[in-house]
Amino acid sequence: MKILAITNQKGGVGKTTTAVNLAASLAQSGLRVLLIDLDPQGNATTGAGIFKREALPTVYQVLLGQVSLAEACLKTDFGFAVLPANRELAGAEVEVVELERREYRLRDALENAPYDFVLIDCPPALNMLTVNGLVAADAVVIPMQCEYYALEGLSDLVDTLKKVRAHLNPRLEIEGLLRTMYNPQSTLTQQVSGELERHFGDKVYRTLIPRNVRLAEAPSYGKPVLAFDKNSRGAQAYVALAEEMLRRQAQNEERT
């Protein structure tokens, strides 16, 4: 089981879009995939076609130890399962702090889960929910726009990951950086993209996620873009990303 936290402390970078569409693309390859919505906004839950107000139990009850992971997971029409979230998750921030193994609640719940891939959509803030996601994960996928402020935010995020690795999860590493909302016409985009490749080398995915209207429209229909318009550039980009990830994983396994 590979557990990936999809995270960026900066909002609006395509984090939830990546979580939902990568889950659908990996599931299309025949893999058993679980998408965990760890954001109280519950956007990944809605984007996967689940009414968050009706979704009970949720990840909130799992973190508090009231139900098991299996009891809270829901199947979708798109080949993957979802551990949903809604606004009540905001209360977990306070309640989890008082519990034993507070940073390990999600990791403990995922033990022996029957999935090939688990994708965790983390909130755009460093709080107890995000810490639970990072402690549960083997690695992080960082979606980011190629703009000036993104590099500043990335530096902060890398520092955070170092602290989590030093104190809570020594196996945590960067799986890859994903360039989202990519506009090849922009000089700044190309410059920032070049900086990322210079600093992070092979950690930067070759796949680029373009600005795409269909990607933006799909969540309002409660569908991944693959189910909404499989021929769109956005859908094809996420399928290519899933293929690149699986290829990298196979190469890493060969080396070890």
Protein backbone atom coordinates (compact mmCIF):
# COMPACT_ATOMS: atom_id res chain seq x y z
CA MET A 1 0.00 0.00 0.00
CA LYS A 2 1.35 3.38 -1.04
CA ILE A 3 0.08 6.35 1.00
CA LEU A 4 0.49 9.80 -0.55
CA ALA A 5 -0.40 13.09 1.11
CA ILE A 6 -1.35 15.74 -1.44
CA THR A 7 -0.40 18.95 0.27
CA ASN A 8 0.53 22.58 -0.10
CA GLN A 9 0.20 25.25 2.57
CA LYS A 10 -0.83 27.68 -0.17
CA GLY A 11 -4.49 27.42 -1.23
CA GLY A 12 -5.85 27.51 -4.78
CA VAL A 13 -3.07 25.46 -6.39
CA GLY A 14 -5.19 22.54 -7.62
CA LYS A 15 -4.67 20.30 -4.61
CA THR A 16 -8.20 18.87 -4.40
CA THR A 17 -8.47 18.76 -8.20
CA THR A 18 -5.32 16.63 -8.20
CA ALA A 19 -6.53 14.36 -5.39
CA VAL A 20 -9.86 13.56 -7.06
CA ASN A 21 -8.59 13.20 -10.61
CA LEU A 22 -5.49 11.22 -9.68
CA ALA A 23 -7.70 8.84 -7.67
CA ALA A 24 -9.94 8.31 -10.72
CA SER A 25 -6.96 7.86 -13.06
CA LEU A 26 -5.25 5.30 -10.81
CA ALA A 27 -8.55 3.44 -10.35
CA GLN A 28 -8.95 3.29 -14.12
CA SER A 29 -5.67 1.32 -14.18
CA GLY A 30 -7.38 -1.39 -12.11
CA LEU A 31 -5.86 -0.38 -8.77
CA ARG A 32 -7.70 -0.31 -5.44
CA VAL A 33 -7.71 3.36 -4.48
CA LEU A 34 -8.91 5.23 -1.39
CA LEU A 35 -9.25 9.01 -1.36
CA ILE A 36 -9.24 10.53 2.14
CA ASP A 37 -10.75 14.00 2.46
CA LEU A 38 -8.94 15.63 5.37
CA ASP A 39 -10.21 19.15 4.67
CA PRO A 40 -13.27 20.44 6.61
CA GLN A 41 -14.46 22.15 3.41
CA GLY A 42 -15.16 18.67 2.05
CA ASN A 43 -14.44 19.61 -1.56
CA ALA A 44 -12.86 16.25 -2.44
CA THR A 45 -15.99 14.56 -1.06
CA THR A 46 -18.31 16.61 -3.30
CA GLY A 47 -15.94 16.32 -6.26
CA ALA A 48 -16.31 12.54 -6.02
CA GLY A 49 -20.11 12.77 -6.20
CA ILE A 50 -20.89 12.40 -2.47
CA PHE A 51 -23.29 14.78 -0.69
CA LYS A 52 -21.15 15.80 2.27
CA ARG A 53 -24.15 16.75 4.44
CA GLU A 54 -25.49 13.23 4.13
CA ALA A 55 -22.11 11.51 4.54
CA LEU A 56 -22.02 9.89 7.97
CA PRO A 57 -19.83 8.63 9.50
CA THR A 58 -16.87 10.63 8.18
CA VAL A 59 -13.13 10.91 8.73
CA TYR A 60 -14.04 12.89 11.88
CA GLN A 61 -15.46 9.80 13.60
CA VAL A 62 -12.50 7.73 12.39
CA LEU A 63 -9.98 10.17 13.91
CA LEU A 64 -11.86 10.13 17.21
CA GLY A 65 -11.85 6.31 17.19
CA GLN A 66 -15.66 6.06 17.16
CA VAL A 67 -15.79 3.96 13.96
CA SER A 68 -13.31 1.96 11.91
CA LEU A 69 -11.97 3.03 8.52
CA ALA A 70 -14.01 0.31 6.79
CA GLU A 71 -17.24 1.54 8.38
CA ALA A 72 -16.75 5.10 7.13
CA CYS A 73 -15.48 4.51 3.57
CA LEU A 74 -17.95 4.97 0.71
CA LYS A 75 -17.78 3.54 -2.79
CA THR A 76 -18.11 5.96 -5.69
CA ASP A 77 -19.31 5.47 -9.25
CA PHE A 78 -15.77 6.11 -10.47
CA GLY A 79 -13.92 3.02 -9.25
CA PHE A 80 -12.40 4.39 -6.04
CA ALA A 81 -13.51 4.69 -2.41
CA VAL A 82 -13.77 7.89 -0.39
CA LEU A 83 -13.37 8.58 3.32
CA PRO A 84 -15.57 11.70 3.35
CA ALA A 85 -15.37 14.95 5.31
CA ASN A 86 -17.71 17.78 6.14
CA ARG A 87 -17.69 20.87 8.34
CA GLU A 88 -17.80 18.93 11.59
CA LEU A 89 -14.19 17.96 10.89
CA ALA A 90 -13.20 21.50 11.95
CA GLY A 91 -14.02 20.43 15.53
CA ALA A 92 -11.51 17.59 15.36
CA GLU A 93 -8.70 20.12 15.56
CA VAL A 94 -9.53 20.74 19.22
CA GLU A 95 -10.70 17.27 20.17
CA VAL A 96 -7.82 15.28 18.66
CA VAL A 97 -5.27 17.37 20.61
CA GLU A 98 -6.53 15.81 23.86
CA LEU A 99 -6.31 12.20 22.61
CA GLU A 100 -3.49 9.67 22.96
CA ARG A 101 -1.25 9.34 19.89
CA ARG A 102 -2.89 12.46 18.52
CA GLU A 103 -0.49 12.76 15.55
CA TYR A 104 -0.91 9.07 14.68
CA ARG A 105 -4.72 8.75 14.63
CA LEU A 106 -4.99 8.45 10.85
CA ARG A 107 -1.91 6.26 10.52
CA ASP A 108 -3.31 3.82 13.08
CA ALA A 109 -6.70 3.75 11.33
CA LEU A 110 -5.04 2.90 7.99
CA GLU A 111 -3.14 -0.11 9.31
CA ASN A 112 -3.83 -3.14 7.08
CA ALA A 113 -6.28 -1.19 4.87
CA PRO A 114 -7.02 -3.18 1.65
CA TYR A 115 -5.84 -0.61 -0.92
CA ASP A 116 -3.00 -0.25 -3.41
CA PHE A 117 -3.01 3.56 -3.19
CA VAL A 118 -4.30 5.94 -0.51
CA LEU A 119 -4.43 9.63 -1.46
CA ILE A 120 -4.89 12.14 1.36
CA ASP A 121 -6.26 15.57 0.45
CA CYS A 122 -4.76 17.77 3.20
CA PRO A 123 -6.11 21.19 4.19
CA PRO A 124 -4.12 24.26 3.04
CA ALA A 125 -2.76 24.95 6.53
CA LEU A 126 -0.38 23.34 8.96
CA ASN A 127 -2.70 22.06 11.69
CA MET A 128 -3.36 18.80 13.51
CA LEU A 129 -5.28 17.42 10.51
CA THR A 130 -2.38 18.09 8.14
CA VAL A 131 0.08 16.62 10.65
CA ASN A 132 -2.05 13.45 10.77
CA GLY A 133 -1.93 13.28 6.98
CA LEU A 134 1.85 13.74 6.87
CA VAL A 135 2.47 11.20 9.63
CA ALA A 136 0.29 8.62 7.87
CA ALA A 137 1.94 9.16 4.47
CA ASP A 138 4.92 7.48 2.87
CA ALA A 139 5.50 10.55 0.71
CA VAL A 140 3.97 13.83 -0.42
CA VAL A 141 2.81 15.09 -3.78
CA ILE A 142 3.04 18.88 -3.97
CA PRO A 143 0.80 20.56 -6.56
CA MET A 144 1.90 24.11 -7.32
CA GLN A 145 1.41 26.91 -9.77
CA CYS A 146 4.48 28.29 -11.49
CA GLU A 147 4.33 31.79 -10.03
CA TYR A 148 6.65 33.85 -7.82
CA TYR A 149 4.87 33.34 -4.49
CA ALA A 150 4.75 29.59 -5.07
CA LEU A 151 8.51 29.32 -4.57
CA GLU A 152 8.28 31.11 -1.21
CA GLY A 153 5.49 28.80 -0.09
CA LEU A 154 7.43 25.76 -1.27
CA SER A 155 10.40 26.72 0.87
CA ASP A 156 8.13 26.87 3.96
CA LEU A 157 6.57 23.52 3.09
CA VAL A 158 9.95 21.82 2.69
CA ASP A 159 10.93 23.10 6.17
CA THR A 160 7.70 21.67 7.58
CA LEU A 161 8.35 18.29 5.97
CA LYS A 162 11.86 18.21 7.47
CA LYS A 163 10.42 18.82 10.95
CA VAL A 164 7.79 16.08 10.54
CA ARG A 165 10.45 13.68 9.29
CA ALA A 166 12.76 14.50 12.20
CA HIS A 167 10.18 14.14 14.95
CA LEU A 168 7.21 12.06 13.78
CA ASN A 169 7.66 10.19 10.50
CA PRO A 170 11.23 9.38 9.44
CA ARG A 171 10.07 7.67 6.21
CA LEU A 172 8.35 10.79 4.82
CA GLU A 173 9.82 12.05 1.55
CA ILE A 174 8.82 14.17 -1.43
CA GLU A 175 7.28 11.90 -4.05
CA GLY A 176 7.03 14.66 -6.62
CA LEU A 177 6.21 18.25 -7.49
CA LEU A 178 3.32 18.73 -9.87
CA ARG A 179 3.04 21.86 -12.00
CA THR A 180 -0.66 22.77 -12.20
CA MET A 181 -2.70 25.40 -14.11
CA TYR A 182 0.28 25.50 -16.45
CA ASN A 183 0.33 28.25 -19.06
CA PRO A 184 3.20 27.70 -21.52
CA GLN A 185 2.68 31.18 -23.02
CA SER A 186 3.77 32.88 -19.78
CA THR A 187 7.45 33.83 -19.43
CA LEU A 188 7.15 33.80 -15.62
CA THR A 189 5.65 30.29 -15.73
CA GLN A 190 8.61 29.06 -17.77
CA GLN A 191 11.11 30.76 -15.46
CA VAL A 192 9.59 29.33 -12.27
CA SER A 193 9.27 25.92 -13.94
CA GLY A 194 12.97 26.04 -14.81
CA GLU A 195 13.85 26.97 -11.20
CA LEU A 196 11.90 23.97 -9.91
CA GLU A 197 13.69 21.61 -12.28
CA ARG A 198 17.08 23.02 -11.28
CA HIS A 199 16.41 22.68 -7.55
CA PHE A 200 14.43 19.44 -7.46
CA GLY A 201 15.52 17.60 -10.62
CA ASP A 202 13.77 14.25 -11.05
CA LYS A 203 11.33 15.07 -8.23
CA VAL A 204 9.47 17.34 -10.67
CA TYR A 205 6.91 15.35 -12.65
CA ARG A 206 7.34 15.59 -16.41
CA THR A 207 3.55 15.70 -16.73
CA LEU A 208 2.11 19.22 -16.81
CA ILE A 209 -1.48 19.94 -15.77
CA PRO A 210 -2.80 22.69 -18.05
CA ARG A 211 -5.34 25.39 -17.36
CA ASN A 212 -8.48 23.70 -18.59
CA VAL A 213 -12.14 24.71 -18.47
CA ARG A 214 -13.36 21.12 -18.19
CA LEU A 215 -11.18 20.55 -15.11
CA ALA A 216 -12.81 23.58 -13.49
CA GLU A 217 -16.34 22.51 -14.48
CA ALA A 218 -16.20 18.84 -13.44
CA PRO A 219 -16.52 19.36 -9.62
CA SER A 220 -19.83 21.21 -9.99
CA TYR A 221 -21.22 18.01 -11.56
CA GLY A 222 -19.76 15.86 -8.76
CA LYS A 223 -17.47 14.02 -11.17
CA PRO A 224 -13.76 13.60 -11.81
CA VAL A 225 -12.90 15.10 -15.19
CA LEU A 226 -12.27 11.57 -16.52
CA ALA A 227 -16.00 10.82 -16.12
CA PHE A 228 -17.06 14.33 -17.18
CA ASP A 229 -15.04 14.69 -20.39
CA LYS A 230 -12.44 11.97 -20.85
CA ASN A 231 -11.12 13.55 -24.07
CA SER A 232 -10.36 16.93 -22.48
CA ARG A 233 -6.76 18.05 -22.03
CA GLY A 234 -7.26 18.03 -18.27
CA ALA A 235 -8.41 14.40 -18.22
CA GLN A 236 -5.58 13.28 -20.48
CA ALA A 237 -3.04 15.10 -18.28
CA TYR A 238 -4.16 13.29 -15.11
CA VAL A 239 -4.13 9.92 -16.89
CA ALA A 240 -0.57 10.72 -17.99
CA LEU A 241 0.33 11.67 -14.39
CA ALA A 242 -0.99 8.35 -13.06
CA GLU A 243 1.03 6.49 -15.71
CA GLU A 244 4.17 8.46 -14.82
CA MET A 245 3.71 7.71 -11.12
CA LEU A 246 3.27 3.99 -11.73
CA ARG A 247 6.28 3.95 -14.05
CA ARG A 248 8.43 5.65 -11.39
CA GLN A 249 7.23 3.23 -8.75
CA ALA A 250 8.11 0.23 -10.94
CA GLN A 251 11.59 1.68 -11.60
CA ASN A 252 12.17 2.25 -7.86
CA GLU A 253 11.13 -1.33 -7.08
CA GLU A 254 13.55 -2.63 -9.72
CA ARG A 255 16.42 -0.69 -8.10
CA THR A 256 15.65 -2.13 -4.69
